[in-house]
C-alpha cells in the first residue's frame, strides 16, 4: 500500500525531528545537522516561505518518511529548479517504492522543472533509485561557502 504524500504539519514536528536526526547522523549525509537547524527547516516548511516545502509519507496515521523541496532557478537550464533537499524513508519502509513514488509526485506537480538532488556516491540503494527515476550525475563538483 502506497502512503499518502502530504504537507508537514505542526503535529508532525516530533516525528520529523527524529527522522532528521537519524538521516543526518547516517552515512547518507556528509554534514551534521543540529536541533536548531532541523527546527528552522520545519519552521520554514510550516511558514509561507516560497523557498522550502516539507512533506511526510503517511500510511493510515503512521509516518514512513519525509522529504523537503527547495525552490530556485537554474540559469544553466533557463528554468525553475526544485532541489530535493531531504528524502528519508524509515528503515523498515525502505524498498517499497516510496522514494520513487515521491519523485513521480514532484515531476507531476512541477512540470518543465529541473529536479536536482545530492547523493553520497557510496549510497548505492539511493543511487539506483535515482537512476531508475531518470537522474544522471553532473560531470562537475559543487562547491560552497558561507557568508
N, C-alpha and C. Protein backbone atom coordinates (compact mmCIF):
# COMPACT_ATOMS: atom_id res chain seq x y z
N UNK A 1 0.84 -1.18 0.00
CA UNK A 1 0.00 0.00 0.00
C UNK A 1 0.89 1.24 0.00
N UNK A 2 0.58 2.21 -0.87
CA UNK A 2 1.36 3.43 -1.01
C UNK A 2 0.88 4.49 -0.02
N UNK A 3 1.81 5.10 0.70
CA UNK A 3 1.40 6.13 1.66
C UNK A 3 0.95 7.41 0.95
N UNK A 4 0.15 8.19 1.66
CA UNK A 4 -0.28 9.50 1.18
C UNK A 4 0.90 10.46 1.34
N UNK A 5 1.13 11.27 0.33
CA UNK A 5 2.12 12.34 0.42
C UNK A 5 1.35 13.60 0.80
N UNK A 6 1.71 14.15 1.96
CA UNK A 6 1.01 15.35 2.41
C UNK A 6 2.00 16.32 3.03
N UNK A 7 1.60 17.58 3.11
CA UNK A 7 2.46 18.61 3.70
C UNK A 7 2.68 18.34 5.19
N UNK A 8 3.86 18.68 5.65
CA UNK A 8 4.19 18.59 7.08
C UNK A 8 3.28 19.53 7.86
N UNK A 9 2.81 19.07 9.00
CA UNK A 9 2.03 19.91 9.92
C UNK A 9 2.79 20.02 11.24
N UNK A 10 2.36 20.93 12.07
CA UNK A 10 2.99 21.09 13.39
C UNK A 10 2.90 19.79 14.18
N UNK A 11 1.82 19.05 14.02
CA UNK A 11 1.67 17.78 14.73
C UNK A 11 2.73 16.75 14.34
N UNK A 12 3.36 16.95 13.18
CA UNK A 12 4.40 16.02 12.69
C UNK A 12 5.79 16.37 13.21
N UNK A 13 5.94 17.53 13.86
CA UNK A 13 7.27 18.04 14.20
C UNK A 13 8.13 17.02 14.94
N UNK A 14 7.65 16.42 16.00
CA UNK A 14 8.47 15.50 16.79
C UNK A 14 8.93 14.31 15.95
N UNK A 15 8.03 13.76 15.16
CA UNK A 15 8.40 12.62 14.32
C UNK A 15 9.40 13.02 13.25
N UNK A 16 9.20 14.17 12.61
CA UNK A 16 10.12 14.62 11.57
C UNK A 16 11.48 14.95 12.18
N UNK A 17 11.50 15.57 13.36
CA UNK A 17 12.78 15.85 14.03
C UNK A 17 13.54 14.56 14.29
N UNK A 18 12.86 13.53 14.72
CA UNK A 18 13.50 12.24 14.97
C UNK A 18 14.06 11.65 13.67
N UNK A 19 13.29 11.74 12.60
CA UNK A 19 13.77 11.23 11.31
C UNK A 19 14.96 12.04 10.80
N UNK A 20 14.90 13.37 10.97
CA UNK A 20 16.01 14.22 10.54
C UNK A 20 17.28 13.87 11.31
N UNK A 21 17.15 13.65 12.60
CA UNK A 21 18.30 13.27 13.41
C UNK A 21 18.92 11.97 12.90
N UNK A 22 18.08 11.00 12.59
CA UNK A 22 18.57 9.73 12.07
C UNK A 22 19.23 9.91 10.70
N UNK A 23 18.58 10.68 9.83
CA UNK A 23 19.10 10.91 8.48
C UNK A 23 20.44 11.61 8.51
N UNK A 24 20.53 12.70 9.28
CA UNK A 24 21.76 13.48 9.29
C UNK A 24 22.90 12.85 10.08
N UNK A 25 22.62 11.82 10.84
CA UNK A 25 23.70 11.10 11.53
C UNK A 25 24.08 9.83 10.78
N UNK A 26 23.49 9.62 9.62
CA UNK A 26 23.78 8.42 8.82
C UNK A 26 24.86 8.71 7.78
N UNK A 27 25.41 7.66 7.17
CA UNK A 27 26.40 7.86 6.10
C UNK A 27 25.80 8.45 4.82
N UNK A 28 24.47 8.57 4.76
CA UNK A 28 23.81 9.12 3.57
C UNK A 28 24.01 10.63 3.44
N UNK A 29 24.45 11.27 4.53
CA UNK A 29 24.62 12.73 4.53
C UNK A 29 26.02 13.04 5.03
N UNK A 30 26.71 13.93 4.31
CA UNK A 30 28.10 14.22 4.68
C UNK A 30 28.23 15.35 5.70
N UNK A 31 27.13 16.02 6.03
CA UNK A 31 27.19 17.08 7.03
C UNK A 31 26.33 16.71 8.23
N UNK A 32 26.70 17.25 9.37
CA UNK A 32 25.89 17.04 10.56
C UNK A 32 24.88 18.16 10.66
N UNK A 33 23.74 17.85 11.18
CA UNK A 33 22.74 18.89 11.44
C UNK A 33 22.73 19.18 12.92
N UNK A 34 21.75 19.94 13.32
CA UNK A 34 21.56 20.23 14.74
C UNK A 34 20.07 20.43 14.97
N UNK A 35 19.66 20.32 16.20
CA UNK A 35 18.24 20.53 16.51
C UNK A 35 17.80 21.93 16.10
N UNK A 36 18.69 22.90 16.26
CA UNK A 36 18.38 24.28 15.86
C UNK A 36 18.12 24.36 14.36
N UNK A 37 18.99 23.74 13.57
CA UNK A 37 18.81 23.74 12.11
C UNK A 37 17.55 22.97 11.73
N UNK A 38 17.35 21.81 12.31
CA UNK A 38 16.18 20.99 11.97
C UNK A 38 14.88 21.75 12.27
N UNK A 39 14.82 22.41 13.42
CA UNK A 39 13.63 23.19 13.77
C UNK A 39 13.44 24.37 12.82
N UNK A 40 14.54 25.01 12.42
CA UNK A 40 14.44 26.11 11.45
C UNK A 40 13.90 25.60 10.12
N UNK A 41 14.34 24.41 9.70
CA UNK A 41 13.84 23.82 8.46
C UNK A 41 12.33 23.56 8.56
N UNK A 42 11.91 22.98 9.65
CA UNK A 42 10.48 22.69 9.82
C UNK A 42 9.69 23.99 9.90
N UNK A 43 10.23 24.99 10.63
CA UNK A 43 9.56 26.28 10.71
C UNK A 43 9.36 26.86 9.30
N UNK A 44 10.37 26.77 8.45
CA UNK A 44 10.25 27.28 7.08
C UNK A 44 9.19 26.52 6.30
N UNK A 45 9.13 25.20 6.50
CA UNK A 45 8.12 24.39 5.83
C UNK A 45 6.71 24.77 6.27
N UNK A 46 6.55 25.13 7.52
CA UNK A 46 5.24 25.46 8.06
C UNK A 46 4.83 26.91 7.77
N UNK A 47 5.78 27.72 7.39
CA UNK A 47 5.50 29.13 7.12
C UNK A 47 5.05 29.30 5.66
N UNK A 48 4.92 30.54 5.25
CA UNK A 48 4.57 30.80 3.86
C UNK A 48 5.83 31.06 3.03
N UNK A 49 6.95 30.49 3.44
CA UNK A 49 8.21 30.65 2.71
C UNK A 49 8.06 30.15 1.27
N UNK A 50 8.50 30.95 0.31
CA UNK A 50 8.47 30.49 -1.08
C UNK A 50 9.64 29.57 -1.42
N UNK A 51 10.53 29.33 -0.44
CA UNK A 51 11.75 28.60 -0.72
C UNK A 51 11.74 27.13 -0.31
N UNK A 52 10.95 26.75 0.68
CA UNK A 52 11.02 25.38 1.20
C UNK A 52 9.64 24.80 1.44
N UNK A 53 9.46 23.56 1.03
CA UNK A 53 8.23 22.80 1.28
C UNK A 53 8.63 21.51 1.97
N UNK A 54 7.80 21.06 2.90
CA UNK A 54 8.06 19.79 3.58
C UNK A 54 6.88 18.85 3.42
N UNK A 55 7.20 17.58 3.24
CA UNK A 55 6.19 16.54 3.06
C UNK A 55 6.49 15.36 3.97
N UNK A 56 5.43 14.65 4.33
CA UNK A 56 5.58 13.37 5.03
C UNK A 56 4.86 12.31 4.21
N UNK A 57 5.28 11.07 4.42
CA UNK A 57 4.67 9.92 3.78
C UNK A 57 3.87 9.21 4.85
N UNK A 58 2.55 9.31 4.76
CA UNK A 58 1.64 8.92 5.84
C UNK A 58 0.77 7.75 5.38
N UNK A 59 0.93 6.62 6.05
CA UNK A 59 0.09 5.46 5.76
C UNK A 59 -0.80 5.22 6.97
N UNK A 60 -2.03 5.65 6.84
CA UNK A 60 -3.04 5.44 7.88
C UNK A 60 -2.56 5.91 9.26
N UNK A 61 -1.98 7.12 9.28
CA UNK A 61 -1.55 7.71 10.54
C UNK A 61 -0.14 7.34 10.98
N UNK A 62 0.54 6.47 10.23
CA UNK A 62 1.92 6.11 10.54
C UNK A 62 2.84 6.77 9.53
N UNK A 63 3.76 7.62 10.03
CA UNK A 63 4.70 8.28 9.13
C UNK A 63 5.80 7.31 8.74
N UNK A 64 6.05 7.23 7.44
CA UNK A 64 7.06 6.32 6.91
C UNK A 64 8.30 7.04 6.42
N UNK A 65 8.26 8.36 6.41
CA UNK A 65 9.40 9.14 5.98
C UNK A 65 8.99 10.58 5.77
N UNK A 66 9.95 11.37 5.28
CA UNK A 66 9.70 12.78 4.99
C UNK A 66 10.58 13.23 3.84
N UNK A 67 10.25 14.38 3.28
CA UNK A 67 11.07 14.99 2.23
C UNK A 67 10.92 16.49 2.31
N UNK A 68 11.95 17.20 1.84
CA UNK A 68 11.90 18.65 1.76
C UNK A 68 12.36 19.08 0.38
N UNK A 69 11.65 20.04 -0.19
CA UNK A 69 11.96 20.58 -1.51
C UNK A 69 12.31 22.05 -1.39
N UNK A 70 13.41 22.45 -2.02
CA UNK A 70 13.82 23.85 -2.05
C UNK A 70 13.66 24.37 -3.47
N UNK A 71 13.13 25.58 -3.61
CA UNK A 71 12.88 26.19 -4.91
C UNK A 71 14.02 27.13 -5.30
N UNK A 72 14.41 27.08 -6.58
CA UNK A 72 15.40 28.02 -7.10
C UNK A 72 15.19 28.14 -8.60
N UNK A 73 16.13 28.81 -9.27
CA UNK A 73 16.10 28.95 -10.73
C UNK A 73 17.46 28.54 -11.25
N UNK A 74 17.49 27.80 -12.33
CA UNK A 74 18.75 27.38 -12.94
C UNK A 74 19.02 28.23 -14.17
N UNK A 75 20.03 29.09 -14.09
CA UNK A 75 20.41 29.86 -15.28
C UNK A 75 21.07 28.96 -16.31
N UNK A 76 21.65 27.87 -15.84
CA UNK A 76 22.29 26.91 -16.74
C UNK A 76 21.27 26.25 -17.67
N UNK A 77 20.04 26.06 -17.16
CA UNK A 77 18.98 25.39 -17.93
C UNK A 77 17.83 26.33 -18.27
N UNK A 78 17.86 27.56 -17.78
CA UNK A 78 16.86 28.56 -18.12
C UNK A 78 15.45 28.24 -17.65
N UNK A 79 15.37 27.64 -16.47
CA UNK A 79 14.03 27.32 -15.94
C UNK A 79 14.08 27.12 -14.43
N UNK A 80 12.87 27.00 -13.87
CA UNK A 80 12.76 26.77 -12.43
C UNK A 80 13.45 25.47 -12.05
N UNK A 81 13.89 25.43 -10.82
CA UNK A 81 14.61 24.25 -10.32
C UNK A 81 14.04 23.89 -8.95
N UNK A 82 13.86 22.61 -8.75
CA UNK A 82 13.48 22.07 -7.44
C UNK A 82 14.65 21.21 -6.96
N UNK A 83 15.11 21.49 -5.77
CA UNK A 83 16.12 20.65 -5.12
C UNK A 83 15.41 19.72 -4.15
N UNK A 84 15.61 18.44 -4.31
CA UNK A 84 15.14 17.51 -3.28
C UNK A 84 16.23 17.53 -2.22
N UNK A 85 16.00 18.33 -1.19
CA UNK A 85 17.00 18.54 -0.15
C UNK A 85 17.11 17.32 0.77
N UNK A 86 16.00 16.82 1.20
CA UNK A 86 15.97 15.65 2.06
C UNK A 86 14.96 14.67 1.48
N UNK A 87 15.32 13.42 1.46
CA UNK A 87 14.38 12.35 1.11
C UNK A 87 14.76 11.18 2.00
N UNK A 88 13.97 10.96 3.03
CA UNK A 88 14.29 9.97 4.05
C UNK A 88 13.11 9.03 4.23
N UNK A 89 13.41 7.74 4.19
CA UNK A 89 12.42 6.70 4.44
C UNK A 89 12.90 5.91 5.66
N UNK A 90 12.02 5.71 6.63
CA UNK A 90 12.36 4.91 7.81
C UNK A 90 12.77 3.51 7.35
N UNK A 91 13.82 2.99 7.96
CA UNK A 91 14.45 1.74 7.52
C UNK A 91 13.47 0.63 7.19
N UNK A 92 12.49 0.36 8.05
CA UNK A 92 11.59 -0.77 7.80
C UNK A 92 10.63 -0.53 6.64
N UNK A 93 10.60 0.71 6.11
CA UNK A 93 9.72 1.00 4.98
C UNK A 93 10.49 1.19 3.68
N UNK A 94 11.79 1.01 3.72
CA UNK A 94 12.61 1.15 2.50
C UNK A 94 12.38 -0.04 1.58
N UNK A 95 12.59 0.19 0.30
CA UNK A 95 12.43 -0.87 -0.68
C UNK A 95 10.99 -1.10 -1.10
N UNK A 96 10.09 -0.21 -0.70
CA UNK A 96 8.67 -0.36 -1.03
C UNK A 96 8.22 0.61 -2.12
N UNK A 97 9.18 1.34 -2.72
CA UNK A 97 8.85 2.26 -3.80
C UNK A 97 8.43 3.64 -3.35
N UNK A 98 8.57 3.97 -2.08
CA UNK A 98 8.14 5.27 -1.58
C UNK A 98 8.96 6.39 -2.20
N UNK A 99 10.28 6.22 -2.28
CA UNK A 99 11.15 7.25 -2.87
C UNK A 99 10.80 7.52 -4.32
N UNK A 100 10.63 6.46 -5.09
CA UNK A 100 10.25 6.62 -6.50
C UNK A 100 8.88 7.27 -6.64
N UNK A 101 7.97 6.90 -5.76
CA UNK A 101 6.62 7.49 -5.77
C UNK A 101 6.71 9.00 -5.50
N UNK A 102 7.58 9.40 -4.57
CA UNK A 102 7.73 10.82 -4.27
C UNK A 102 8.33 11.56 -5.46
N UNK A 103 9.32 10.98 -6.11
CA UNK A 103 9.93 11.63 -7.28
C UNK A 103 8.88 11.83 -8.37
N UNK A 104 8.03 10.85 -8.59
CA UNK A 104 6.95 11.00 -9.57
C UNK A 104 5.99 12.11 -9.14
N UNK A 105 5.70 12.20 -7.85
CA UNK A 105 4.87 13.27 -7.30
C UNK A 105 5.47 14.63 -7.63
N UNK A 106 6.78 14.77 -7.45
CA UNK A 106 7.46 16.04 -7.75
C UNK A 106 7.38 16.33 -9.25
N UNK A 107 7.66 15.35 -10.08
CA UNK A 107 7.58 15.54 -11.53
C UNK A 107 6.17 15.96 -11.96
N UNK A 108 5.16 15.32 -11.40
CA UNK A 108 3.77 15.63 -11.75
C UNK A 108 3.36 17.03 -11.31
N UNK A 109 3.85 17.46 -10.14
CA UNK A 109 3.45 18.75 -9.59
C UNK A 109 4.30 19.92 -10.06
N UNK A 110 5.45 19.63 -10.64
CA UNK A 110 6.34 20.68 -11.13
C UNK A 110 6.82 20.34 -12.54
N UNK A 111 5.89 20.34 -13.52
CA UNK A 111 6.29 20.02 -14.89
C UNK A 111 7.25 21.09 -15.44
N UNK A 112 8.08 20.68 -16.37
CA UNK A 112 9.07 21.56 -17.01
C UNK A 112 9.99 22.22 -15.99
N UNK A 113 10.30 21.50 -14.94
CA UNK A 113 11.18 21.98 -13.87
C UNK A 113 12.39 21.06 -13.78
N UNK A 114 13.55 21.65 -13.64
CA UNK A 114 14.76 20.87 -13.40
C UNK A 114 14.72 20.35 -11.97
N UNK A 115 14.90 19.07 -11.79
CA UNK A 115 14.89 18.48 -10.45
C UNK A 115 16.32 18.04 -10.13
N UNK A 116 16.85 18.54 -9.03
CA UNK A 116 18.22 18.22 -8.63
C UNK A 116 18.23 17.64 -7.23
N UNK A 117 19.28 16.89 -6.93
CA UNK A 117 19.47 16.37 -5.59
C UNK A 117 20.93 16.04 -5.40
N UNK A 118 21.30 15.81 -4.17
CA UNK A 118 22.65 15.37 -3.83
C UNK A 118 22.54 13.97 -3.28
N UNK A 119 23.54 13.15 -3.57
CA UNK A 119 23.56 11.78 -3.06
C UNK A 119 25.02 11.41 -2.81
N UNK A 120 25.25 10.70 -1.73
CA UNK A 120 26.59 10.17 -1.46
C UNK A 120 26.82 9.00 -2.42
N UNK A 121 27.94 9.02 -3.10
CA UNK A 121 28.24 8.02 -4.12
C UNK A 121 28.15 6.59 -3.60
N UNK A 122 28.54 6.39 -2.34
CA UNK A 122 28.52 5.04 -1.78
C UNK A 122 27.13 4.59 -1.33
N UNK A 123 26.14 5.48 -1.40
CA UNK A 123 24.77 5.12 -1.06
C UNK A 123 24.13 4.47 -2.29
N UNK A 124 24.53 3.23 -2.54
CA UNK A 124 24.17 2.53 -3.77
C UNK A 124 22.67 2.36 -3.95
N UNK A 125 21.94 2.13 -2.87
CA UNK A 125 20.49 1.96 -2.98
C UNK A 125 19.84 3.24 -3.48
N UNK A 126 20.24 4.39 -2.90
CA UNK A 126 19.68 5.67 -3.34
C UNK A 126 20.09 5.98 -4.77
N UNK A 127 21.36 5.75 -5.11
CA UNK A 127 21.83 5.99 -6.47
C UNK A 127 21.00 5.18 -7.46
N UNK A 128 20.74 3.91 -7.14
CA UNK A 128 19.93 3.05 -8.01
C UNK A 128 18.52 3.63 -8.18
N UNK A 129 17.91 4.03 -7.07
CA UNK A 129 16.56 4.62 -7.11
C UNK A 129 16.53 5.86 -7.99
N UNK A 130 17.52 6.73 -7.83
CA UNK A 130 17.54 7.98 -8.58
C UNK A 130 17.81 7.73 -10.07
N UNK A 131 18.71 6.82 -10.37
CA UNK A 131 18.97 6.49 -11.78
C UNK A 131 17.72 5.90 -12.43
N UNK A 132 17.03 5.05 -11.71
CA UNK A 132 15.79 4.44 -12.20
C UNK A 132 14.73 5.51 -12.50
N UNK A 133 14.77 6.61 -11.73
CA UNK A 133 13.82 7.71 -11.92
C UNK A 133 14.28 8.71 -12.98
N UNK A 134 15.43 8.45 -13.61
CA UNK A 134 15.90 9.29 -14.70
C UNK A 134 16.99 10.28 -14.36
N UNK A 135 17.52 10.25 -13.15
CA UNK A 135 18.59 11.17 -12.77
C UNK A 135 19.92 10.71 -13.35
N UNK A 136 20.77 11.68 -13.68
CA UNK A 136 22.14 11.43 -14.11
C UNK A 136 23.07 12.28 -13.26
N UNK A 137 24.33 11.86 -13.17
CA UNK A 137 25.32 12.64 -12.44
C UNK A 137 25.77 13.82 -13.29
N UNK A 138 26.03 14.96 -12.63
CA UNK A 138 26.68 16.07 -13.30
C UNK A 138 28.17 15.73 -13.40
N UNK A 139 28.83 16.21 -14.45
CA UNK A 139 30.26 15.91 -14.60
C UNK A 139 31.17 16.90 -13.88
N UNK A 140 30.64 17.60 -12.88
CA UNK A 140 31.45 18.55 -12.15
C UNK A 140 31.12 18.50 -10.67
N UNK A 141 31.98 19.14 -9.89
CA UNK A 141 31.79 19.18 -8.44
C UNK A 141 31.05 20.46 -8.06
N UNK A 142 30.32 20.38 -7.00
CA UNK A 142 29.64 21.54 -6.45
C UNK A 142 30.47 22.05 -5.28
N UNK A 143 30.51 23.38 -5.14
CA UNK A 143 31.28 23.99 -4.05
C UNK A 143 30.36 24.88 -3.23
N UNK A 144 30.81 25.26 -2.03
CA UNK A 144 30.01 26.13 -1.17
C UNK A 144 30.91 26.98 -0.29
N UNK A 145 30.33 28.05 0.21
CA UNK A 145 30.92 28.84 1.27
C UNK A 145 29.77 29.46 2.04
N UNK A 146 30.03 29.96 3.19
CA UNK A 146 29.01 30.61 3.99
C UNK A 146 29.35 32.07 4.18
N UNK A 147 28.38 32.94 4.01
CA UNK A 147 28.61 34.39 4.16
C UNK A 147 28.50 34.78 5.61
